[in-house]
């Protein structure tokens, strides 16, 4: 079970991952060493991992596209390897409900999306594919940014 101090640290880091640990300790009236110890332990245990969230659109990749695909059993590992090596694939998940993978790609334009789809469909026997282009991001990385989320 998670302690109150751990919960407060997670909430603060979810709100602002660049927050100074000394400032967080003062804000919650915890010893600075306790906050550092909690942070390092949770990093070591893999509970917390620090990454940067990038605005792909501002970097010239305005299309974020989600794919849900199903392939044959014998091609599943080959497709997984292909997706993990493809440079413009940002996230990949193994999923259920009749599909194999859910993944998100970032693209400069619609032609790049179409070229990717053509390559995917030509090289891998997909039995089903659903494609969704993000129109607007409403919220991201929101879960566990409030203490009520732990209830």
C-alpha atoms as a PDB file:
ATOM      1  CA  UNK A   1       0.000   0.000   0.000  1.00  0.00           C
ATOM      2  CA  UNK A   2       1.137   3.532  -0.708  1.00  0.00           C
ATOM      3  CA  UNK A   3       1.917   5.911   2.149  1.00  0.00           C
ATOM      4  CA  UNK A   4       0.552   9.426   2.497  1.00  0.00           C
ATOM      5  CA  UNK A   5       3.989  10.898   1.785  1.00  0.00           C
ATOM      6  CA  UNK A   6       4.387   8.788  -1.343  1.00  0.00           C
ATOM      7  CA  UNK A   7       0.934   9.815  -2.514  1.00  0.00           C
ATOM      8  CA  UNK A   8       1.699  13.513  -2.027  1.00  0.00           C
ATOM      9  CA  UNK A   9       5.003  13.167  -3.889  1.00  0.00           C
ATOM     10  CA  UNK A  10       3.342  11.374  -6.812  1.00  0.00           C
ATOM     11  CA  UNK A  11       0.554  13.972  -7.011  1.00  0.00           C
ATOM     12  CA  UNK A  12       3.033  16.854  -7.020  1.00  0.00           C
ATOM     13  CA  UNK A  13       5.247  15.227  -9.642  1.00  0.00           C
ATOM     14  CA  UNK A  14       2.228  14.453 -11.843  1.00  0.00           C
ATOM     15  CA  UNK A  15       1.281  18.139 -11.678  1.00  0.00           C
ATOM     16  CA  UNK A  16       4.828  19.326 -12.391  1.00  0.00           C
ATOM     17  CA  UNK A  17       7.591  16.766 -12.893  1.00  0.00           C
ATOM     18  CA  UNK A  18      10.214  19.505 -12.765  1.00  0.00           C
ATOM     19  CA  UNK A  19       9.220  20.697  -9.304  1.00  0.00           C
ATOM     20  CA  UNK A  20      12.181  21.079  -6.964  1.00  0.00           C
ATOM     21  CA  UNK A  21      12.213  18.356  -4.287  1.00  0.00           C
ATOM     22  CA  UNK A  22      13.334  20.866  -1.648  1.00  0.00           C
ATOM     23  CA  UNK A  23      10.301  23.044  -2.436  1.00  0.00           C
ATOM     24  CA  UNK A  24       7.996  20.021  -2.256  1.00  0.00           C
ATOM     25  CA  UNK A  25       9.409  19.045   1.130  1.00  0.00           C
ATOM     26  CA  UNK A  26       8.794  22.566   2.453  1.00  0.00           C
ATOM     27  CA  UNK A  27       5.301  22.692   0.951  1.00  0.00           C
ATOM     28  CA  UNK A  28       4.259  19.508   2.785  1.00  0.00           C
ATOM     29  CA  UNK A  29       6.419  20.023   5.866  1.00  0.00           C
ATOM     30  CA  UNK A  30       8.466  16.870   5.244  1.00  0.00           C
ATOM     31  CA  UNK A  31      12.205  16.546   5.804  1.00  0.00           C
ATOM     32  CA  UNK A  32      14.086  17.108   2.557  1.00  0.00           C
ATOM     33  CA  UNK A  33      15.981  13.834   3.042  1.00  0.00           C
ATOM     34  CA  UNK A  34      12.688  11.940   3.327  1.00  0.00           C
ATOM     35  CA  UNK A  35      11.485  13.331  -0.013  1.00  0.00           C
ATOM     36  CA  UNK A  36      14.769  12.455  -1.712  1.00  0.00           C
ATOM     37  CA  UNK A  37      14.692   8.945  -0.213  1.00  0.00           C
ATOM     38  CA  UNK A  38      11.097   8.427  -1.374  1.00  0.00           C
ATOM     39  CA  UNK A  39      11.888   9.698  -4.857  1.00  0.00           C
ATOM     40  CA  UNK A  40      14.972   7.512  -5.265  1.00  0.00           C
ATOM     41  CA  UNK A  41      13.221   4.406  -3.907  1.00  0.00           C
ATOM     42  CA  UNK A  42      10.209   4.877  -6.177  1.00  0.00           C
ATOM     43  CA  UNK A  43      12.532   5.445  -9.177  1.00  0.00           C
ATOM     44  CA  UNK A  44      14.500   2.293  -8.312  1.00  0.00           C
ATOM     45  CA  UNK A  45      11.281   0.267  -7.970  1.00  0.00           C
ATOM     46  CA  UNK A  46      10.021   1.585 -11.313  1.00  0.00           C
ATOM     47  CA  UNK A  47       7.018   3.361  -9.778  1.00  0.00           C
ATOM     48  CA  UNK A  48       8.224   6.735 -11.085  1.00  0.00           C
ATOM     49  CA  UNK A  49      10.030   7.326 -14.349  1.00  0.00           C
ATOM     50  CA  UNK A  50      10.915  10.762 -15.638  1.00  0.00           C
ATOM     51  CA  UNK A  51      10.229  11.565 -19.291  1.00  0.00           C
ATOM     52  CA  UNK A  52       9.484  14.652 -21.304  1.00  0.00           C
ATOM     53  CA  UNK A  53       6.109  15.187 -22.903  1.00  0.00           C
ATOM     54  CA  UNK A  54       6.636  16.586 -26.382  1.00  0.00           C
ATOM     55  CA  UNK A  55       4.203  18.665 -28.422  1.00  0.00           C
ATOM     56  CA  UNK A  56       4.650  16.847 -31.725  1.00  0.00           C
ATOM     57  CA  UNK A  57       2.594  19.409 -33.625  1.00  0.00           C
ATOM     58  CA  UNK A  58       4.968  22.227 -32.678  1.00  0.00           C
ATOM     59  CA  UNK A  59       7.859  20.106 -33.956  1.00  0.00           C
ATOM     60  CA  UNK A  60       6.331  19.609 -37.391  1.00  0.00           C
ATOM     61  CA  UNK A  61       4.403  16.380 -36.781  1.00  0.00           C
ATOM     62  CA  UNK A  62       0.787  17.578 -36.741  1.00  0.00           C
ATOM     63  CA  UNK A  63      -0.829  14.164 -37.247  1.00  0.00           C
ATOM     64  CA  UNK A  64      -1.129  11.786 -34.321  1.00  0.00           C
ATOM     65  CA  UNK A  65      -2.786   8.589 -35.461  1.00  0.00           C
ATOM     66  CA  UNK A  66      -3.940   5.631 -33.366  1.00  0.00           C
ATOM     67  CA  UNK A  67      -4.072   2.174 -34.902  1.00  0.00           C
ATOM     68  CA  UNK A  68      -5.679  -1.013 -33.592  1.00  0.00           C
ATOM     69  CA  UNK A  69      -4.657  -4.083 -35.588  1.00  0.00           C
ATOM     70  CA  UNK A  70      -5.057  -7.816 -35.719  1.00  0.00           C
ATOM     71  CA  UNK A  71      -2.734 -10.103 -37.632  1.00  0.00           C
ATOM     72  CA  UNK A  72      -2.312 -13.835 -37.950  1.00  0.00           C
ATOM     73  CA  UNK A  73      -0.713 -15.747 -35.079  1.00  0.00           C
ATOM     74  CA  UNK A  74       2.371 -16.599 -37.145  1.00  0.00           C
ATOM     75  CA  UNK A  75       2.993 -12.912 -38.028  1.00  0.00           C
ATOM     76  CA  UNK A  76       2.401 -11.430 -34.572  1.00  0.00           C
ATOM     77  CA  UNK A  77       6.058 -11.367 -33.449  1.00  0.00           C
ATOM     78  CA  UNK A  78       7.256 -10.109 -36.834  1.00  0.00           C
ATOM     79  CA  UNK A  79       4.750  -7.233 -36.691  1.00  0.00           C
ATOM     80  CA  UNK A  80       5.724  -6.452 -33.095  1.00  0.00           C
ATOM     81  CA  UNK A  81       9.403  -6.238 -34.110  1.00  0.00           C
ATOM     82  CA  UNK A  82       8.548  -4.016 -37.086  1.00  0.00           C
ATOM     83  CA  UNK A  83       6.509  -1.621 -34.936  1.00  0.00           C
ATOM     84  CA  UNK A  84       9.196  -1.351 -32.245  1.00  0.00           C
ATOM     85  CA  UNK A  85      11.796  -0.486 -34.897  1.00  0.00           C
ATOM     86  CA  UNK A  86       9.633   1.997 -36.823  1.00  0.00           C
ATOM     87  CA  UNK A  87      10.900   5.487 -35.953  1.00  0.00           C
ATOM     88  CA  UNK A  88       7.577   7.347 -36.071  1.00  0.00           C
ATOM     89  CA  UNK A  89       5.733   4.925 -33.761  1.00  0.00           C
ATOM     90  CA  UNK A  90       5.488   6.540 -30.336  1.00  0.00           C
ATOM     91  CA  UNK A  91       3.644   3.982 -28.175  1.00  0.00           C
ATOM     92  CA  UNK A  92       2.784   0.305 -28.655  1.00  0.00           C
ATOM     93  CA  UNK A  93       0.496  -1.866 -26.537  1.00  0.00           C
ATOM     94  CA  UNK A  94      -0.571  -5.493 -26.685  1.00  0.00           C
ATOM     95  CA  UNK A  95      -4.366  -5.508 -26.377  1.00  0.00           C
ATOM     96  CA  UNK A  96      -7.317  -7.886 -26.180  1.00  0.00           C
ATOM     97  CA  UNK A  97     -10.870  -8.115 -27.569  1.00  0.00           C
ATOM     98  CA  UNK A  98      -9.824  -9.699 -30.826  1.00  0.00           C
ATOM     99  CA  UNK A  99      -6.909  -7.394 -31.625  1.00  0.00           C
ATOM    100  CA  UNK A 100      -3.156  -7.797 -31.159  1.00  0.00           C
ATOM    101  CA  UNK A 101      -1.742  -4.276 -30.965  1.00  0.00           C
ATOM    102  CA  UNK A 102      -2.783  -0.707 -30.285  1.00  0.00           C
ATOM    103  CA  UNK A 103      -0.161   1.866 -31.285  1.00  0.00           C
ATOM    104  CA  UNK A 104       0.233   5.551 -31.960  1.00  0.00           C
ATOM    105  CA  UNK A 105       2.261   7.081 -34.747  1.00  0.00           C
ATOM    106  CA  UNK A 106       3.241  10.660 -35.420  1.00  0.00           C
ATOM    107  CA  UNK A 107       3.346  11.930 -38.996  1.00  0.00           C
ATOM    108  CA  UNK A 108       4.197  15.110 -40.894  1.00  0.00           C
ATOM    109  CA  UNK A 109       1.303  14.808 -43.354  1.00  0.00           C
ATOM    110  CA  UNK A 110      -1.492  12.562 -44.614  1.00  0.00           C
ATOM    111  CA  UNK A 111       0.695  11.132 -47.394  1.00  0.00           C
ATOM    112  CA  UNK A 112       3.103   9.799 -44.753  1.00  0.00           C
ATOM    113  CA  UNK A 113       0.153   8.141 -42.990  1.00  0.00           C
ATOM    114  CA  UNK A 114      -1.037   6.578 -46.256  1.00  0.00           C
ATOM    115  CA  UNK A 115       2.490   5.380 -47.128  1.00  0.00           C
ATOM    116  CA  UNK A 116       2.830   3.804 -43.687  1.00  0.00           C
ATOM    117  CA  UNK A 117      -0.557   2.079 -44.010  1.00  0.00           C
ATOM    118  CA  UNK A 118       0.328   0.771 -47.475  1.00  0.00           C
ATOM    119  CA  UNK A 119       3.636  -0.635 -46.189  1.00  0.00           C
ATOM    120  CA  UNK A 120       1.917  -2.143 -43.169  1.00  0.00           C
ATOM    121  CA  UNK A 121      -0.836  -3.794 -45.208  1.00  0.00           C
ATOM    122  CA  UNK A 122       1.558  -5.047 -47.927  1.00  0.00           C
ATOM    123  CA  UNK A 123       4.140  -6.548 -45.571  1.00  0.00           C
ATOM    124  CA  UNK A 124       1.915  -7.953 -42.819  1.00  0.00           C
ATOM    125  CA  UNK A 125      -1.293  -9.931 -43.296  1.00  0.00           C
ATOM    126  CA  UNK A 126      -3.630  -7.787 -41.206  1.00  0.00           C
ATOM    127  CA  UNK A 127      -7.013  -9.364 -40.671  1.00  0.00           C
ATOM    128  CA  UNK A 128      -8.423  -6.186 -39.134  1.00  0.00           C
ATOM    129  CA  UNK A 129      -7.288  -2.580 -38.754  1.00  0.00           C
ATOM    130  CA  UNK A 130      -8.929   0.496 -37.257  1.00  0.00           C
ATOM    131  CA  UNK A 131      -7.351   3.921 -37.751  1.00  0.00           C
ATOM    132  CA  UNK A 132      -8.148   7.035 -35.714  1.00  0.00           C
ATOM    133  CA  UNK A 133      -6.606  10.465 -36.256  1.00  0.00           C
ATOM    134  CA  UNK A 134      -6.493  12.744 -33.227  1.00  0.00           C
ATOM    135  CA  UNK A 135      -8.531  15.880 -33.879  1.00  0.00           C
ATOM    136  CA  UNK A 136      -7.947  17.566 -30.525  1.00  0.00           C
ATOM    137  CA  UNK A 137      -6.123  16.597 -27.333  1.00  0.00           C
ATOM    138  CA  UNK A 138      -8.471  17.291 -24.445  1.00  0.00           C
ATOM    139  CA  UNK A 139      -6.394  15.936 -21.558  1.00  0.00           C
ATOM    140  CA  UNK A 140      -3.211  13.963 -21.152  1.00  0.00           C
ATOM    141  CA  UNK A 141      -1.283  12.521 -18.221  1.00  0.00           C
ATOM    142  CA  UNK A 142      -4.060  13.538 -15.842  1.00  0.00           C
ATOM    143  CA  UNK A 143      -4.512  10.411 -13.696  1.00  0.00           C
ATOM    144  CA  UNK A 144      -3.000  10.606 -10.158  1.00  0.00           C
ATOM    145  CA  UNK A 145      -2.566  14.375 -10.348  1.00  0.00           C
ATOM    146  CA  UNK A 146      -5.032  14.793  -7.463  1.00  0.00           C
ATOM    147  CA  UNK A 147      -5.127  13.004  -4.098  1.00  0.00           C
ATOM    148  CA  UNK A 148      -8.771  11.986  -4.725  1.00  0.00           C
ATOM    149  CA  UNK A 149      -7.552   9.743  -7.551  1.00  0.00           C
ATOM    150  CA  UNK A 150      -6.040   7.415  -4.959  1.00  0.00           C
ATOM    151  CA  UNK A 151      -9.424   6.784  -3.303  1.00  0.00           C
END
